[in-house]
N, C-alpha and C. Protein backbone atom coordinates (compact mmCIF):
# COMPACT_ATOMS: atom_id res chain seq x y z
N MET A 1 0.85 -1.17 0.00
CA MET A 1 0.00 0.00 0.00
C MET A 1 0.90 1.23 0.00
N ARG A 2 0.50 2.23 -0.79
CA ARG A 2 1.26 3.47 -0.88
C ARG A 2 0.36 4.66 -0.60
N VAL A 3 0.95 5.65 0.07
CA VAL A 3 0.30 6.94 0.20
C VAL A 3 1.25 8.01 -0.34
N LEU A 4 0.70 8.90 -1.12
CA LEU A 4 1.42 10.08 -1.55
C LEU A 4 0.76 11.23 -0.81
N ILE A 5 1.54 11.83 0.10
CA ILE A 5 1.02 12.88 0.97
C ILE A 5 1.51 14.23 0.45
N GLN A 6 0.60 15.16 0.32
CA GLN A 6 0.97 16.52 -0.03
C GLN A 6 0.45 17.43 1.07
N ARG A 7 1.38 18.21 1.64
CA ARG A 7 0.97 19.21 2.63
C ARG A 7 0.31 20.35 1.87
N VAL A 8 -0.90 20.72 2.27
CA VAL A 8 -1.66 21.71 1.52
C VAL A 8 -2.18 22.82 2.41
N THR A 9 -2.41 23.97 1.79
CA THR A 9 -3.14 25.04 2.46
C THR A 9 -4.63 24.90 2.19
N GLU A 10 -4.95 24.21 1.08
CA GLU A 10 -6.33 23.87 0.74
C GLU A 10 -6.31 22.81 -0.34
N ALA A 11 -7.38 22.02 -0.39
CA ALA A 11 -7.51 21.00 -1.43
C ALA A 11 -8.99 20.64 -1.57
N SER A 12 -9.34 20.22 -2.78
CA SER A 12 -10.73 19.80 -3.01
C SER A 12 -10.76 18.75 -4.11
N VAL A 13 -11.87 18.05 -4.16
CA VAL A 13 -12.09 17.06 -5.22
C VAL A 13 -13.51 17.24 -5.73
N ALA A 14 -13.63 17.25 -7.07
CA ALA A 14 -14.93 17.44 -7.70
C ALA A 14 -15.21 16.29 -8.66
N ILE A 15 -16.49 15.99 -8.80
CA ILE A 15 -16.96 14.98 -9.75
C ILE A 15 -18.05 15.66 -10.59
N ASP A 16 -17.86 15.63 -11.89
CA ASP A 16 -18.81 16.29 -12.81
C ASP A 16 -19.06 17.74 -12.42
N GLY A 17 -18.00 18.43 -12.00
CA GLY A 17 -18.10 19.84 -11.67
C GLY A 17 -18.65 20.15 -10.29
N LYS A 18 -19.04 19.13 -9.53
CA LYS A 18 -19.60 19.33 -8.18
C LYS A 18 -18.57 18.92 -7.14
N THR A 19 -18.26 19.83 -6.22
CA THR A 19 -17.30 19.54 -5.15
C THR A 19 -17.89 18.51 -4.20
N VAL A 20 -17.14 17.42 -3.97
CA VAL A 20 -17.60 16.36 -3.07
C VAL A 20 -16.75 16.29 -1.80
N GLY A 21 -15.60 16.93 -1.80
CA GLY A 21 -14.73 16.96 -0.62
C GLY A 21 -13.85 18.19 -0.68
N LYS A 22 -13.69 18.86 0.47
CA LYS A 22 -12.89 20.08 0.50
C LYS A 22 -12.30 20.26 1.90
N ILE A 23 -11.01 20.62 1.94
CA ILE A 23 -10.35 20.89 3.22
C ILE A 23 -9.56 22.19 3.14
N GLY A 24 -9.21 22.68 4.32
CA GLY A 24 -8.27 23.79 4.42
C GLY A 24 -6.88 23.21 4.69
N LYS A 25 -6.16 23.82 5.61
CA LYS A 25 -4.80 23.38 5.93
C LYS A 25 -4.79 21.92 6.36
N GLY A 26 -3.87 21.17 5.78
CA GLY A 26 -3.77 19.77 6.15
C GLY A 26 -3.01 18.96 5.14
N MET A 27 -3.53 17.76 4.83
CA MET A 27 -2.87 16.84 3.92
C MET A 27 -3.86 16.32 2.89
N LEU A 28 -3.41 16.32 1.64
CA LEU A 28 -4.08 15.56 0.60
C LEU A 28 -3.36 14.22 0.55
N ILE A 29 -4.10 13.14 0.73
CA ILE A 29 -3.52 11.80 0.71
C ILE A 29 -4.07 11.04 -0.47
N LEU A 30 -3.18 10.66 -1.38
CA LEU A 30 -3.54 9.79 -2.49
C LEU A 30 -3.17 8.38 -2.07
N LEU A 31 -4.11 7.45 -2.13
CA LEU A 31 -3.91 6.09 -1.63
C LEU A 31 -3.97 5.07 -2.76
N GLY A 32 -2.92 4.27 -2.85
CA GLY A 32 -2.89 3.17 -3.80
C GLY A 32 -2.82 1.85 -3.06
N VAL A 33 -3.64 0.90 -3.47
CA VAL A 33 -3.70 -0.43 -2.84
C VAL A 33 -3.10 -1.45 -3.80
N LYS A 34 -2.20 -2.26 -3.27
CA LYS A 34 -1.48 -3.27 -4.06
C LYS A 34 -2.09 -4.65 -3.81
N VAL A 35 -1.95 -5.52 -4.78
CA VAL A 35 -2.34 -6.91 -4.62
C VAL A 35 -1.65 -7.47 -3.35
N GLY A 36 -2.39 -8.09 -2.48
CA GLY A 36 -1.83 -8.67 -1.27
C GLY A 36 -1.94 -7.78 -0.03
N ASP A 37 -2.33 -6.52 -0.20
CA ASP A 37 -2.45 -5.62 0.95
C ASP A 37 -3.59 -6.05 1.87
N THR A 38 -3.43 -5.73 3.15
CA THR A 38 -4.42 -6.08 4.16
C THR A 38 -4.68 -4.88 5.06
N GLN A 39 -5.53 -5.07 6.05
CA GLN A 39 -5.80 -4.01 7.02
C GLN A 39 -4.55 -3.64 7.81
N ALA A 40 -3.60 -4.54 7.94
CA ALA A 40 -2.36 -4.24 8.67
C ALA A 40 -1.59 -3.11 7.98
N GLU A 41 -1.53 -3.13 6.66
CA GLU A 41 -0.84 -2.04 5.94
C GLU A 41 -1.62 -0.73 6.09
N ALA A 42 -2.95 -0.82 6.03
CA ALA A 42 -3.78 0.37 6.20
C ALA A 42 -3.60 0.97 7.59
N ASP A 43 -3.56 0.12 8.62
CA ASP A 43 -3.35 0.61 9.99
C ASP A 43 -2.01 1.33 10.11
N PHE A 44 -0.96 0.71 9.59
CA PHE A 44 0.38 1.29 9.66
C PHE A 44 0.40 2.66 8.98
N LEU A 45 -0.16 2.75 7.77
CA LEU A 45 -0.10 4.00 7.03
C LEU A 45 -1.00 5.08 7.62
N ALA A 46 -2.15 4.69 8.14
CA ALA A 46 -3.02 5.68 8.80
C ALA A 46 -2.31 6.28 10.01
N ASP A 47 -1.72 5.43 10.83
CA ASP A 47 -0.97 5.92 11.99
C ASP A 47 0.19 6.81 11.57
N LYS A 48 0.89 6.41 10.52
CA LYS A 48 2.03 7.18 10.02
C LYS A 48 1.59 8.56 9.54
N CYS A 49 0.49 8.61 8.79
CA CYS A 49 -0.01 9.89 8.28
C CYS A 49 -0.38 10.83 9.43
N LEU A 50 -1.06 10.30 10.42
CA LEU A 50 -1.49 11.13 11.55
C LEU A 50 -0.33 11.64 12.39
N ALA A 51 0.75 10.86 12.46
CA ALA A 51 1.89 11.22 13.33
C ALA A 51 3.03 11.92 12.58
N LEU A 52 2.96 11.95 11.26
CA LEU A 52 4.04 12.51 10.46
C LEU A 52 4.23 14.00 10.77
N ARG A 53 5.44 14.36 11.14
CA ARG A 53 5.73 15.75 11.53
C ARG A 53 6.24 16.52 10.31
N ILE A 54 5.29 17.07 9.54
CA ILE A 54 5.65 17.81 8.33
C ILE A 54 5.13 19.25 8.35
N PHE A 55 4.60 19.69 9.49
CA PHE A 55 4.11 21.05 9.60
C PHE A 55 5.10 21.88 10.42
N SER A 56 5.22 23.13 10.04
CA SER A 56 6.23 24.01 10.65
C SER A 56 5.84 24.47 12.04
N ASP A 57 6.84 24.51 12.92
CA ASP A 57 6.66 25.06 14.25
C ASP A 57 6.95 26.56 14.19
N ALA A 58 6.99 27.22 15.34
CA ALA A 58 7.23 28.67 15.41
C ALA A 58 8.58 29.08 14.84
N GLU A 59 9.52 28.14 14.78
CA GLU A 59 10.85 28.44 14.26
C GLU A 59 10.99 28.05 12.79
N GLY A 60 9.90 27.60 12.18
CA GLY A 60 9.93 27.24 10.78
C GLY A 60 10.44 25.84 10.49
N LYS A 61 10.64 25.03 11.52
CA LYS A 61 11.11 23.65 11.34
C LYS A 61 9.91 22.72 11.27
N MET A 62 10.02 21.68 10.43
CA MET A 62 8.94 20.70 10.32
C MET A 62 8.99 19.79 11.55
N ASN A 63 8.28 20.21 12.58
CA ASN A 63 8.27 19.53 13.87
C ASN A 63 6.88 19.14 14.34
N LEU A 64 5.83 19.58 13.62
CA LEU A 64 4.48 19.39 14.11
C LEU A 64 3.70 18.40 13.25
N ALA A 65 2.85 17.64 13.90
CA ALA A 65 1.98 16.67 13.21
C ALA A 65 0.64 17.33 12.90
N LEU A 66 -0.17 16.64 12.14
CA LEU A 66 -1.47 17.13 11.71
C LEU A 66 -2.32 17.62 12.89
N GLY A 67 -2.41 16.83 13.94
CA GLY A 67 -3.21 17.20 15.09
C GLY A 67 -2.69 18.43 15.82
N ASP A 68 -1.38 18.64 15.77
CA ASP A 68 -0.78 19.79 16.44
C ASP A 68 -1.21 21.11 15.80
N VAL A 69 -1.54 21.07 14.51
CA VAL A 69 -1.91 22.29 13.79
C VAL A 69 -3.40 22.35 13.47
N GLY A 70 -4.17 21.38 13.99
CA GLY A 70 -5.60 21.35 13.71
C GLY A 70 -5.89 21.10 12.24
N GLY A 71 -5.04 20.30 11.60
CA GLY A 71 -5.15 20.06 10.16
C GLY A 71 -6.27 19.10 9.80
N GLU A 72 -6.60 19.12 8.52
CA GLU A 72 -7.66 18.29 7.97
C GLU A 72 -7.09 17.35 6.91
N LEU A 73 -7.87 16.34 6.54
CA LEU A 73 -7.41 15.35 5.56
C LEU A 73 -8.39 15.23 4.40
N LEU A 74 -7.84 15.11 3.20
CA LEU A 74 -8.62 14.77 2.02
C LEU A 74 -7.97 13.52 1.45
N VAL A 75 -8.74 12.42 1.39
CA VAL A 75 -8.21 11.13 0.93
C VAL A 75 -8.85 10.77 -0.40
N VAL A 76 -7.99 10.47 -1.38
CA VAL A 76 -8.45 10.12 -2.71
C VAL A 76 -7.80 8.81 -3.13
N SER A 77 -8.61 7.86 -3.57
CA SER A 77 -8.09 6.59 -4.06
C SER A 77 -7.42 6.82 -5.41
N GLN A 78 -6.22 6.24 -5.58
CA GLN A 78 -5.50 6.43 -6.84
C GLN A 78 -4.70 5.18 -7.19
N PHE A 79 -5.31 4.30 -7.98
CA PHE A 79 -4.65 3.06 -8.36
C PHE A 79 -3.40 3.32 -9.20
N THR A 80 -3.31 4.49 -9.84
CA THR A 80 -2.16 4.78 -10.70
C THR A 80 -0.86 4.94 -9.91
N LEU A 81 -0.94 4.97 -8.59
CA LEU A 81 0.29 4.97 -7.79
C LEU A 81 1.07 3.67 -7.99
N TYR A 82 0.39 2.65 -8.50
CA TYR A 82 1.06 1.39 -8.79
C TYR A 82 1.29 1.21 -10.30
N GLY A 83 1.31 2.31 -11.03
CA GLY A 83 1.65 2.25 -12.45
C GLY A 83 3.14 1.99 -12.62
N ASP A 84 3.48 1.04 -13.47
CA ASP A 84 4.87 0.71 -13.74
C ASP A 84 5.17 1.08 -15.19
N ALA A 85 5.99 2.11 -15.37
CA ALA A 85 6.29 2.62 -16.71
C ALA A 85 7.74 2.33 -17.12
N ARG A 86 8.34 1.32 -16.50
CA ARG A 86 9.74 1.01 -16.83
C ARG A 86 9.89 0.46 -18.23
N LYS A 87 8.88 -0.22 -18.73
CA LYS A 87 8.94 -0.78 -20.08
C LYS A 87 7.88 -0.11 -20.94
N GLY A 88 8.21 0.10 -22.17
CA GLY A 88 7.24 0.65 -23.11
C GLY A 88 6.84 2.08 -22.78
N ARG A 89 5.72 2.48 -23.34
CA ARG A 89 5.26 3.86 -23.15
C ARG A 89 3.92 3.95 -22.45
N ARG A 90 3.30 2.81 -22.17
CA ARG A 90 2.03 2.82 -21.45
C ARG A 90 2.25 2.08 -20.14
N PRO A 91 1.93 2.73 -19.02
CA PRO A 91 2.14 2.07 -17.73
C PRO A 91 1.30 0.80 -17.58
N SER A 92 1.85 -0.14 -16.85
CA SER A 92 1.14 -1.36 -16.47
C SER A 92 0.64 -1.18 -15.05
N TYR A 93 -0.56 -1.63 -14.79
CA TYR A 93 -1.15 -1.50 -13.45
C TYR A 93 -1.38 -2.87 -12.83
N ILE A 94 -0.59 -3.84 -13.22
CA ILE A 94 -0.78 -5.22 -12.77
C ILE A 94 -0.61 -5.36 -11.25
N GLU A 95 0.17 -4.49 -10.63
CA GLU A 95 0.38 -4.58 -9.18
C GLU A 95 -0.77 -3.98 -8.38
N ALA A 96 -1.60 -3.16 -9.02
CA ALA A 96 -2.72 -2.52 -8.31
C ALA A 96 -3.81 -3.56 -8.04
N ALA A 97 -4.33 -3.51 -6.81
CA ALA A 97 -5.42 -4.42 -6.45
C ALA A 97 -6.69 -4.04 -7.20
N GLN A 98 -7.50 -5.04 -7.53
CA GLN A 98 -8.77 -4.81 -8.21
C GLN A 98 -9.78 -4.20 -7.22
N PRO A 99 -10.78 -3.47 -7.73
CA PRO A 99 -11.76 -2.80 -6.86
C PRO A 99 -12.41 -3.65 -5.77
N PRO A 100 -12.76 -4.93 -6.01
CA PRO A 100 -13.37 -5.69 -4.91
C PRO A 100 -12.45 -5.83 -3.69
N VAL A 101 -11.14 -5.70 -3.90
CA VAL A 101 -10.18 -5.75 -2.80
C VAL A 101 -9.81 -4.34 -2.33
N SER A 102 -9.55 -3.46 -3.29
CA SER A 102 -9.05 -2.14 -2.93
C SER A 102 -10.10 -1.22 -2.32
N GLU A 103 -11.34 -1.31 -2.76
CA GLU A 103 -12.37 -0.41 -2.21
C GLU A 103 -12.60 -0.64 -0.71
N PRO A 104 -12.76 -1.88 -0.24
CA PRO A 104 -12.92 -2.07 1.21
C PRO A 104 -11.69 -1.59 2.00
N LEU A 105 -10.49 -1.77 1.45
CA LEU A 105 -9.29 -1.30 2.15
C LEU A 105 -9.21 0.22 2.16
N TYR A 106 -9.62 0.86 1.07
CA TYR A 106 -9.69 2.32 1.02
C TYR A 106 -10.67 2.81 2.10
N ASN A 107 -11.86 2.21 2.16
CA ASN A 107 -12.85 2.62 3.16
C ASN A 107 -12.35 2.36 4.57
N TYR A 108 -11.67 1.26 4.77
CA TYR A 108 -11.10 0.95 6.08
C TYR A 108 -10.07 2.02 6.48
N PHE A 109 -9.20 2.38 5.55
CA PHE A 109 -8.18 3.40 5.79
C PHE A 109 -8.84 4.73 6.19
N VAL A 110 -9.86 5.13 5.45
CA VAL A 110 -10.57 6.38 5.75
C VAL A 110 -11.20 6.30 7.14
N ASP A 111 -11.87 5.20 7.44
CA ASP A 111 -12.49 5.04 8.77
C ASP A 111 -11.45 5.08 9.88
N ARG A 112 -10.32 4.48 9.63
CA ARG A 112 -9.23 4.47 10.61
C ARG A 112 -8.75 5.88 10.90
N LEU A 113 -8.64 6.72 9.86
CA LEU A 113 -8.26 8.11 10.05
C LEU A 113 -9.33 8.89 10.82
N LYS A 114 -10.59 8.62 10.51
CA LYS A 114 -11.70 9.31 11.18
C LYS A 114 -11.74 9.00 12.68
N GLN A 115 -11.28 7.82 13.07
CA GLN A 115 -11.27 7.44 14.48
C GLN A 115 -10.40 8.37 15.31
N SER A 116 -9.49 9.09 14.67
CA SER A 116 -8.61 10.01 15.39
C SER A 116 -9.32 11.30 15.78
N GLY A 117 -10.52 11.52 15.24
CA GLY A 117 -11.24 12.76 15.50
C GLY A 117 -10.90 13.87 14.51
N THR A 118 -10.01 13.58 13.58
CA THR A 118 -9.62 14.55 12.56
C THR A 118 -10.71 14.65 11.50
N LYS A 119 -10.92 15.86 10.97
CA LYS A 119 -11.85 16.02 9.86
C LYS A 119 -11.26 15.32 8.64
N VAL A 120 -12.04 14.41 8.06
CA VAL A 120 -11.60 13.66 6.89
C VAL A 120 -12.65 13.80 5.80
N GLU A 121 -12.23 14.28 4.66
CA GLU A 121 -13.07 14.36 3.47
C GLU A 121 -12.52 13.35 2.45
N THR A 122 -13.36 12.96 1.50
CA THR A 122 -12.93 11.97 0.50
C THR A 122 -13.44 12.33 -0.88
N GLY A 123 -12.86 11.65 -1.84
CA GLY A 123 -13.42 11.63 -3.18
C GLY A 123 -14.43 10.51 -3.22
N GLU A 124 -14.68 9.99 -4.43
CA GLU A 124 -15.57 8.85 -4.58
C GLU A 124 -14.79 7.74 -5.26
N PHE A 125 -14.71 6.61 -4.61
CA PHE A 125 -13.93 5.50 -5.12
C PHE A 125 -14.35 5.16 -6.56
N GLY A 126 -13.38 5.07 -7.46
CA GLY A 126 -13.62 4.66 -8.83
C GLY A 126 -14.17 5.74 -9.75
N ALA A 127 -14.46 6.90 -9.21
CA ALA A 127 -15.02 7.97 -10.04
C ALA A 127 -13.90 8.71 -10.78
N ASP A 128 -14.28 9.39 -11.85
CA ASP A 128 -13.37 10.28 -12.57
C ASP A 128 -13.41 11.61 -11.83
N MET A 129 -12.34 11.95 -11.14
CA MET A 129 -12.33 13.10 -10.24
C MET A 129 -11.35 14.16 -10.71
N ALA A 130 -11.68 15.41 -10.38
CA ALA A 130 -10.78 16.54 -10.59
C ALA A 130 -10.30 16.98 -9.22
N VAL A 131 -9.00 16.83 -8.97
CA VAL A 131 -8.42 17.18 -7.68
C VAL A 131 -7.69 18.51 -7.81
N SER A 132 -8.01 19.43 -6.92
CA SER A 132 -7.34 20.74 -6.89
C SER A 132 -6.65 20.88 -5.55
N LEU A 133 -5.46 21.50 -5.58
CA LEU A 133 -4.74 21.70 -4.34
C LEU A 133 -3.78 22.86 -4.44
N VAL A 134 -3.46 23.39 -3.28
CA VAL A 134 -2.37 24.34 -3.16
C VAL A 134 -1.35 23.66 -2.26
N ASN A 135 -0.26 23.15 -2.87
CA ASN A 135 0.78 22.45 -2.13
C ASN A 135 1.56 23.48 -1.33
N ASP A 136 1.68 23.24 -0.05
CA ASP A 136 2.35 24.16 0.88
C ASP A 136 3.80 23.73 1.05
N GLY A 137 4.70 24.53 0.56
CA GLY A 137 6.14 24.25 0.73
C GLY A 137 6.93 24.38 -0.55
N PRO A 138 6.81 23.53 -1.49
CA PRO A 138 5.97 22.33 -1.56
C PRO A 138 6.54 21.19 -0.72
N VAL A 139 5.64 20.45 -0.11
CA VAL A 139 6.01 19.26 0.65
C VAL A 139 5.20 18.09 0.09
N THR A 140 5.90 17.09 -0.43
CA THR A 140 5.27 15.88 -0.95
C THR A 140 6.09 14.69 -0.49
N ILE A 141 5.41 13.71 0.13
CA ILE A 141 6.10 12.56 0.72
C ILE A 141 5.41 11.28 0.25
N LEU A 142 6.21 10.31 -0.19
CA LEU A 142 5.70 9.00 -0.59
C LEU A 142 6.09 7.99 0.49
N ILE A 143 5.08 7.25 0.98
CA ILE A 143 5.33 6.23 2.01
C ILE A 143 4.68 4.94 1.53
N GLU A 144 5.43 3.85 1.67
CA GLU A 144 4.91 2.55 1.26
C GLU A 144 5.07 1.55 2.40
N LYS A 145 4.06 0.74 2.58
CA LYS A 145 4.11 -0.40 3.49
C LYS A 145 3.86 -1.62 2.65
N ASP A 146 4.90 -2.38 2.40
CA ASP A 146 4.82 -3.55 1.52
C ASP A 146 4.28 -4.74 2.31
N SER A 147 3.21 -5.35 1.81
CA SER A 147 2.60 -6.49 2.49
C SER A 147 3.48 -7.73 2.48
N THR A 148 4.52 -7.75 1.64
CA THR A 148 5.38 -8.92 1.57
C THR A 148 6.57 -8.83 2.53
N LYS A 149 6.69 -7.73 3.23
CA LYS A 149 7.84 -7.56 4.15
C LYS A 149 7.39 -7.34 5.56
């Protein structure tokens, strides 16, 4: 399972021109689910996202976590995080889990984040979405929890 985290001042996701999720300061989390992933990977990554110290303190150092700054979360499912473009010109998505597996894990991950009391907004699983964001920093972090290790 992979998360691509972007520290944002604001972010939103729209479907057919209608905003379905919107946050202010916080994190946009793009989530990719791999074949073989389980709730254990989702638990690890949810905890990591909530505890990750990527927000600036009074001295401008990245020392604060999401909860320390009252941040919000926008979570969007993105199977293309498992796109492999090493060969040819069209990425292969063979490592990405199919929707019957990935959708329940996506929902589990979102619910796990909500248990923290943090405001969590989402896109719509499997929908064609337009994601807008203002990356703060810019700060972008990729974290992976491999189910085989």
